[in-house]
């Protein structure tokens, strides 16, 4: 009995057996991105590297093939997500965005936790050895110079997220941290606050410096108090927020508002204010950045800058998939830097400063 099922013909088998760009890269000892640069005549490739790639192309009789490219583009994509130890609220929101988008794009996610420095570099090598097609970096990894140098040299598609100052060699997704901090500080000044404390984020993240600069710019523009004692170092952690709040709220002339660089530290400021018997926002206005779960699970709920964390993750993965498919098709894309909109969200933790009447002698008797 003859089967009526369609069978792949010799043409299909020939396409399957064609050498790929990855084969050329392996033989030449370079990355697929470098092979693509040579094939497309980019002048940035060193002569000895170009010669090695051309020799591999000749040895394998490789030629870009549109049908093979279409087949390559249909293969599943593996993406490595590299993170350190960000606050739980931020990571949870980011993972929701990643998982939602991965299910829509036939993407397999590989999660790897690491420390900044050599461990991160080792993890990148491990991810590539395990066959990932691209990498997404959570903060502060997008600000780690040695890691960025390695990824740029390897030519693997990568998107850094929430880095205050994007490296031109890598794609990035984030908000304008300077404008976000400027907007919140201006809002607090518009409420009537003249003495505003600021808690800086972790010093290894450029977003921290950008947010500090935004705060300082608004203070200078509006002509309110600009005292060094009002600026205290934090680390983007709840614990560091507690320490910063203790410092600010024990000043001889304490601030009437405190703007912390993220919601974790802002929540800690609220906790210390309560411990000291201060009413929030009656005695102290508190504001943060991110709009994570912390913002709506404490009392009073936080006024904050909403960073669209889940949407940033979705955008990063969509963009990375496009980059990977373009690379497979032999038409790699240049790095792109996507700046997403932020929003100032007013809740119950901000108000005009309370004006207390001066104490008179008759009031004391």
Protein backbone atom coordinates (compact mmCIF):
# COMPACT_ATOMS: atom_id res chain seq x y z
CA UNK A 1 0.00 0.00 0.00
CA UNK A 2 1.42 3.35 -1.01
CA UNK A 3 1.50 6.12 1.59
CA UNK A 4 0.09 9.49 0.58
CA UNK A 5 2.16 11.37 3.17
CA UNK A 6 4.38 14.09 1.81
CA UNK A 7 8.07 13.49 2.33
CA UNK A 8 10.87 16.05 2.30
CA UNK A 9 12.66 15.97 -1.03
CA UNK A 10 16.34 16.24 -1.82
CA UNK A 11 16.10 20.02 -1.88
CA UNK A 12 14.99 20.06 1.75
CA UNK A 13 17.78 17.69 2.75
CA UNK A 14 20.29 19.89 0.95
CA UNK A 15 19.10 22.95 2.88
CA UNK A 16 19.39 21.01 6.15
CA UNK A 17 22.98 20.05 5.33
CA UNK A 18 24.15 23.53 4.30
CA UNK A 19 26.95 24.93 6.47
CA UNK A 20 25.71 27.64 8.79
CA UNK A 21 27.25 30.87 9.98
CA UNK A 22 27.79 29.15 13.33
CA UNK A 23 29.83 26.44 11.54
CA UNK A 24 32.01 29.10 9.94
CA UNK A 25 32.44 30.86 13.27
CA UNK A 26 33.43 27.62 14.99
CA UNK A 27 36.02 26.76 12.34
CA UNK A 28 37.49 30.27 12.34
CA UNK A 29 37.47 30.52 16.13
CA UNK A 30 35.38 33.69 16.18
CA UNK A 31 31.81 34.71 17.01
CA UNK A 32 28.91 34.53 14.52
CA UNK A 33 28.70 38.33 14.72
CA UNK A 34 32.30 38.58 13.49
CA UNK A 35 31.52 36.23 10.60
CA UNK A 36 28.57 38.42 9.68
CA UNK A 37 30.74 41.55 9.79
CA UNK A 38 33.26 39.96 7.40
CA UNK A 39 30.55 38.75 5.01
CA UNK A 40 28.92 42.17 4.98
CA UNK A 41 32.22 43.96 4.36
CA UNK A 42 32.47 45.81 7.69
CA UNK A 43 35.79 47.61 8.05
CA UNK A 44 36.02 47.11 11.83
CA UNK A 45 37.39 43.54 11.60
CA UNK A 46 41.16 43.05 11.94
CA UNK A 47 42.97 41.64 8.88
CA UNK A 48 44.08 38.39 10.52
CA UNK A 49 40.54 37.76 11.77
CA UNK A 50 39.09 38.56 8.35
CA UNK A 51 41.56 36.15 6.71
CA UNK A 52 40.60 33.36 9.15
CA UNK A 53 36.89 33.85 8.46
CA UNK A 54 37.38 33.95 4.70
CA UNK A 55 39.44 30.75 4.87
CA UNK A 56 36.66 29.05 6.86
CA UNK A 57 34.05 30.27 4.36
CA UNK A 58 36.08 28.79 1.51
CA UNK A 59 36.75 25.52 3.32
CA UNK A 60 33.05 24.98 4.09
CA UNK A 61 31.83 26.40 0.79
CA UNK A 62 29.51 28.60 2.83
CA UNK A 63 27.10 31.00 1.14
CA UNK A 64 24.17 32.86 2.74
CA UNK A 65 20.99 31.12 1.69
CA UNK A 66 17.55 32.66 2.09
CA UNK A 67 15.75 29.34 2.59
CA UNK A 68 18.27 28.25 5.17
CA UNK A 69 17.89 31.60 6.88
CA UNK A 70 14.14 31.14 7.14
CA UNK A 71 14.64 27.70 8.67
CA UNK A 72 17.18 29.13 11.11
CA UNK A 73 14.75 31.85 12.14
CA UNK A 74 12.16 29.24 13.12
CA UNK A 75 14.45 27.48 15.58
CA UNK A 76 13.70 27.94 19.28
CA UNK A 77 15.66 30.71 20.96
CA UNK A 78 17.51 30.36 24.24
CA UNK A 79 18.01 33.54 26.28
CA UNK A 80 20.11 33.84 29.39
CA UNK A 81 18.89 36.22 32.12
CA UNK A 82 21.78 37.29 34.30
CA UNK A 83 21.01 39.01 37.61
CA UNK A 84 22.73 39.72 40.92
CA UNK A 85 20.64 40.31 44.03
CA UNK A 86 18.25 43.18 43.27
CA UNK A 87 15.36 43.95 45.59
CA UNK A 88 12.64 41.33 45.55
CA UNK A 89 9.95 43.69 44.30
CA UNK A 90 11.96 44.75 41.25
CA UNK A 91 13.01 41.20 40.35
CA UNK A 92 9.45 39.85 40.71
CA UNK A 93 8.01 42.49 38.35
CA UNK A 94 10.84 41.91 35.86
CA UNK A 95 10.36 38.14 35.84
CA UNK A 96 6.63 38.53 35.18
CA UNK A 97 7.42 40.56 32.07
CA UNK A 98 10.06 38.10 30.88
CA UNK A 99 7.88 35.03 31.34
CA UNK A 100 4.89 36.63 29.63
CA UNK A 101 6.94 37.57 26.58
CA UNK A 102 8.90 34.31 26.44
CA UNK A 103 5.70 32.29 26.06
CA UNK A 104 4.75 34.40 23.03
CA UNK A 105 8.09 34.13 21.24
CA UNK A 106 9.09 30.46 21.55
CA UNK A 107 11.90 31.48 23.92
CA UNK A 108 13.56 29.25 26.50
CA UNK A 109 14.80 31.28 29.45
CA UNK A 110 17.91 30.36 31.43
CA UNK A 111 18.16 32.16 34.78
CA UNK A 112 21.59 32.66 36.33
CA UNK A 113 22.35 34.52 39.56
CA UNK A 114 25.87 35.87 39.95
CA UNK A 115 27.99 38.49 41.66
CA UNK A 116 29.48 41.54 39.99
CA UNK A 117 33.04 41.05 38.70
CA UNK A 118 34.74 37.78 37.76
CA UNK A 119 31.74 35.59 38.68
CA UNK A 120 29.60 37.46 36.12
CA UNK A 121 32.26 37.00 33.43
CA UNK A 122 32.43 33.28 34.21
CA UNK A 123 28.64 33.03 34.00
CA UNK A 124 28.61 34.63 30.55
CA UNK A 125 31.16 32.11 29.29
CA UNK A 126 29.05 29.30 30.79
CA UNK A 127 25.84 30.60 29.22
CA UNK A 128 27.44 30.81 25.79
CA UNK A 129 28.96 27.33 26.18
CA UNK A 130 25.47 26.03 27.01
CA UNK A 131 24.12 27.44 23.76
CA UNK A 132 22.21 30.60 24.65
CA UNK A 133 21.52 32.86 21.68
CA UNK A 134 21.39 36.12 23.63
CA UNK A 135 21.61 37.63 27.10
CA UNK A 136 19.55 40.07 29.16
CA UNK A 137 21.37 41.88 31.95
CA UNK A 138 19.59 43.08 35.08
CA UNK A 139 21.05 46.07 36.97
CA UNK A 140 23.81 46.63 37.97
CA UNK A 141 25.37 44.26 35.42
CA UNK A 142 24.73 46.69 32.57
CA UNK A 143 27.16 49.06 34.30
CA UNK A 144 29.96 46.52 34.79
CA UNK A 145 32.78 47.59 32.47
CA UNK A 146 34.70 44.31 32.27
CA UNK A 147 31.53 42.35 31.60
CA UNK A 148 30.40 44.76 28.88
CA UNK A 149 33.84 44.59 27.25
CA UNK A 150 33.63 40.79 27.16
CA UNK A 151 30.13 40.71 25.68
CA UNK A 152 31.04 43.32 23.06
CA UNK A 153 34.10 41.29 22.06
CA UNK A 154 32.12 38.06 21.84
CA UNK A 155 29.44 39.71 19.71
CA UNK A 156 26.53 37.89 21.38
CA UNK A 157 23.23 39.81 21.20
CA UNK A 158 22.65 41.44 24.59
CA UNK A 159 20.22 43.94 26.11
CA UNK A 160 21.09 45.77 29.33
CA UNK A 161 18.15 46.98 31.40
CA UNK A 162 17.73 49.95 33.75
CA UNK A 163 21.29 51.20 33.39
CA UNK A 164 21.47 54.96 33.87
CA UNK A 165 24.06 55.47 31.14
CA UNK A 166 23.82 53.00 28.26
CA UNK A 167 27.04 51.64 26.72
CA UNK A 168 26.92 52.36 22.96
CA UNK A 169 28.13 48.84 22.17
CA UNK A 170 25.08 47.14 23.71
CA UNK A 171 21.35 47.61 23.33
CA UNK A 172 19.51 48.91 26.36
CA UNK A 173 16.04 49.52 27.76
CA UNK A 174 15.28 51.92 30.61
CA UNK A 175 13.87 55.25 31.68
CA UNK A 176 15.50 58.67 31.90
CA UNK A 177 16.57 58.53 35.55
CA UNK A 178 17.66 62.17 35.57
CA UNK A 179 14.26 63.43 34.41
CA UNK A 180 12.42 61.04 36.74
CA UNK A 181 14.27 62.32 39.82
CA UNK A 182 13.96 65.90 38.62
CA UNK A 183 10.18 65.49 38.25
CA UNK A 184 9.72 64.04 41.73
CA UNK A 185 11.92 66.67 43.40
CA UNK A 186 10.06 69.43 41.57
CA UNK A 187 6.77 67.94 42.74
CA UNK A 188 7.92 67.98 46.37
CA UNK A 189 9.04 71.59 46.02
CA UNK A 190 5.67 72.49 44.50
CA UNK A 191 4.01 71.17 47.68
CA UNK A 192 6.00 73.74 49.64
CA UNK A 193 8.96 71.69 50.90
CA UNK A 194 12.15 73.71 51.25
CA UNK A 195 14.29 71.14 53.03
CA UNK A 196 14.29 67.83 51.15
CA UNK A 197 16.52 64.91 52.10
CA UNK A 198 17.78 62.54 49.43
CA UNK A 199 18.94 58.91 49.76
CA UNK A 200 21.36 57.89 46.99
CA UNK A 201 21.22 54.42 45.45
CA UNK A 202 24.08 51.92 45.18
CA UNK A 203 27.31 53.60 43.99
CA UNK A 204 28.01 50.86 41.41
CA UNK A 205 24.95 51.83 39.34
CA UNK A 206 24.91 54.79 36.99
CA UNK A 207 21.16 55.14 37.63
CA UNK A 208 22.07 56.24 41.17
CA UNK A 209 24.24 59.08 39.91
CA UNK A 210 21.62 60.12 37.36
CA UNK A 211 18.89 60.28 40.01
CA UNK A 212 21.12 62.28 42.33
CA UNK A 213 21.89 64.70 39.48
CA UNK A 214 18.17 65.11 38.76
CA UNK A 215 17.46 65.89 42.41
CA UNK A 216 20.31 68.39 42.59
CA UNK A 217 19.27 70.10 39.36
CA UNK A 218 15.71 70.64 40.61
CA UNK A 219 16.99 71.94 43.96
CA UNK A 220 19.26 74.43 42.20
CA UNK A 221 16.57 75.55 39.74
CA UNK A 222 13.96 76.20 42.43
CA UNK A 223 16.36 77.88 44.86
CA UNK A 224 15.48 75.74 47.90
CA UNK A 225 17.91 74.63 50.61
CA UNK A 226 20.97 72.90 49.19
CA UNK A 227 22.82 71.40 52.15
CA UNK A 228 25.30 68.48 51.90
CA UNK A 229 23.91 67.00 55.13
CA UNK A 230 20.60 66.36 53.35
CA UNK A 231 22.21 63.85 50.95
CA UNK A 232 22.91 60.42 52.44
CA UNK A 233 24.35 57.31 50.78
CA UNK A 234 22.14 54.22 50.45
CA UNK A 235 22.58 50.87 48.70
CA UNK A 236 19.11 50.28 47.17
CA UNK A 237 18.33 47.94 50.10
CA UNK A 238 15.78 48.23 52.90
CA UNK A 239 18.55 47.95 55.50
CA UNK A 240 20.50 50.84 54.01
CA UNK A 241 17.28 52.88 53.94
CA UNK A 242 16.87 52.39 57.68
CA UNK A 243 20.38 53.72 58.31
CA UNK A 244 19.90 56.66 55.96
CA UNK A 245 16.59 57.60 57.58
CA UNK A 246 18.17 57.49 61.06
CA UNK A 247 20.84 59.93 59.86
CA UNK A 248 18.42 62.35 58.20
CA UNK A 249 15.76 62.32 60.91
CA UNK A 250 18.27 62.90 63.70
CA UNK A 251 19.58 66.12 62.16
CA UNK A 252 19.15 69.20 64.35
CA UNK A 253 16.98 70.63 61.59
CA UNK A 254 15.43 67.58 60.00
CA UNK A 255 13.96 67.62 56.49
CA UNK A 256 10.23 67.95 55.92
CA UNK A 257 10.45 65.51 52.99
CA UNK A 258 12.74 62.62 52.07
CA UNK A 259 13.09 61.35 48.52
CA UNK A 260 14.71 57.90 48.36
CA UNK A 261 16.19 56.48 45.15
CA UNK A 262 13.96 53.38 45.25
CA UNK A 263 10.86 52.10 47.01
CA UNK A 264 12.75 49.70 49.30
CA UNK A 265 14.65 52.56 50.89
CA UNK A 266 11.57 54.80 50.93
CA UNK A 267 9.65 52.09 52.81
CA UNK A 268 12.47 51.99 55.34
CA UNK A 269 12.22 55.76 55.79
CA UNK A 270 8.50 55.39 56.59
CA UNK A 271 9.31 52.69 59.16
CA UNK A 272 11.86 54.88 60.97
CA UNK A 273 9.46 57.85 60.89
CA UNK A 274 6.81 55.71 62.59
CA UNK A 275 9.31 54.52 65.20
CA UNK A 276 10.16 58.14 66.00
CA UNK A 277 6.50 59.01 66.40
CA UNK A 278 6.32 61.09 63.22
CA UNK A 279 3.18 61.19 61.14
CA UNK A 280 3.58 60.43 57.43
CA UNK A 281 2.76 62.68 55.60
CA UNK A 282 1.76 65.15 58.31
CA UNK A 283 5.24 65.52 59.78
CA UNK A 284 7.26 63.98 56.95
CA UNK A 285 6.61 63.45 53.26
CA UNK A 286 8.26 60.34 51.79
CA UNK A 287 8.71 59.46 48.10
CA UNK A 288 10.45 56.69 46.18
CA UNK A 289 11.19 55.31 42.71
CA UNK A 290 10.10 52.11 40.88
CA UNK A 291 6.49 51.51 42.01
CA UNK A 292 7.21 47.96 43.12
CA UNK A 293 5.06 45.90 45.47
CA UNK A 294 6.61 47.79 48.40
CA UNK A 295 4.83 50.96 47.30
CA UNK A 296 1.35 49.59 47.94
CA UNK A 297 1.92 47.12 50.79
CA UNK A 298 3.05 49.64 53.41
CA UNK A 299 1.03 52.31 55.19
CA UNK A 300 0.67 54.95 54.02
CA UNK A 301 1.05 53.86 50.40
CA UNK A 302 4.03 55.49 48.69
CA UNK A 303 4.10 58.38 46.31
CA UNK A 304 6.67 57.20 43.76
CA UNK A 305 7.99 57.34 40.22
CA UNK A 306 6.61 54.41 38.27
CA UNK A 307 9.31 52.66 36.28
CA UNK A 308 7.50 50.25 33.91
CA UNK A 309 9.56 47.26 35.05
CA UNK A 310 7.48 44.44 33.54
CA UNK A 311 7.07 46.37 30.29
CA UNK A 312 10.84 46.99 30.19
CA UNK A 313 11.42 43.24 30.48
CA UNK A 314 8.96 42.55 27.68
CA UNK A 315 10.54 45.19 25.45
CA UNK A 316 14.04 43.87 26.19
CA UNK A 317 13.07 40.31 25.24
CA UNK A 318 11.21 41.37 22.09
CA UNK A 319 14.17 43.43 20.98
CA UNK A 320 16.62 40.64 21.77
CA UNK A 321 14.58 38.14 19.72
CA UNK A 322 14.68 40.52 16.74
CA UNK A 323 18.45 40.88 17.13
CA UNK A 324 18.97 37.11 17.31
CA UNK A 325 16.83 36.43 14.25
CA UNK A 326 18.57 39.21 12.33
CA UNK A 327 21.94 37.68 13.22
CA UNK A 328 20.77 34.23 12.10
CA UNK A 329 19.68 35.77 8.82
CA UNK A 330 23.08 37.35 8.29
CA UNK A 331 21.76 40.91 8.71
CA UNK A 332 22.75 41.88 12.26
CA UNK A 333 21.20 45.02 13.72
CA UNK A 334 23.08 47.87 15.35
CA UNK A 335 22.60 48.42 19.11
CA UNK A 336 19.52 50.43 19.97
CA UNK A 337 18.72 52.34 23.14
CA UNK A 338 15.05 52.43 24.11
CA UNK A 339 13.92 55.04 26.63
CA UNK A 340 10.51 54.26 28.08
CA UNK A 341 8.09 56.65 29.75
CA UNK A 342 7.92 57.01 33.53
CA UNK A 343 4.99 58.35 35.55
CA UNK A 344 4.74 60.21 38.85
CA UNK A 345 2.22 58.33 41.02
CA UNK A 346 0.74 60.24 43.96
CA UNK A 347 -0.55 58.21 46.87
CA UNK A 348 -0.83 58.91 50.61
CA UNK A 349 2.78 59.58 51.64
CA UNK A 350 3.12 63.15 50.38
CA UNK A 351 1.55 66.42 51.54
CA UNK A 352 2.40 70.07 52.09
CA UNK A 353 4.73 70.61 55.05
CA UNK A 354 2.88 71.12 58.31
CA UNK A 355 3.24 74.68 59.55
CA UNK A 356 3.41 74.56 63.33
CA UNK A 357 2.78 77.82 65.23
CA UNK A 358 5.70 79.10 67.35
CA UNK A 359 5.59 78.15 71.03
CA UNK A 360 4.64 81.09 73.25
CA UNK A 361 5.49 81.47 76.93
CA UNK A 362 1.79 81.44 77.83
CA UNK A 363 1.50 78.02 76.17
CA UNK A 364 4.05 76.55 78.57
CA UNK A 365 2.28 77.61 81.78
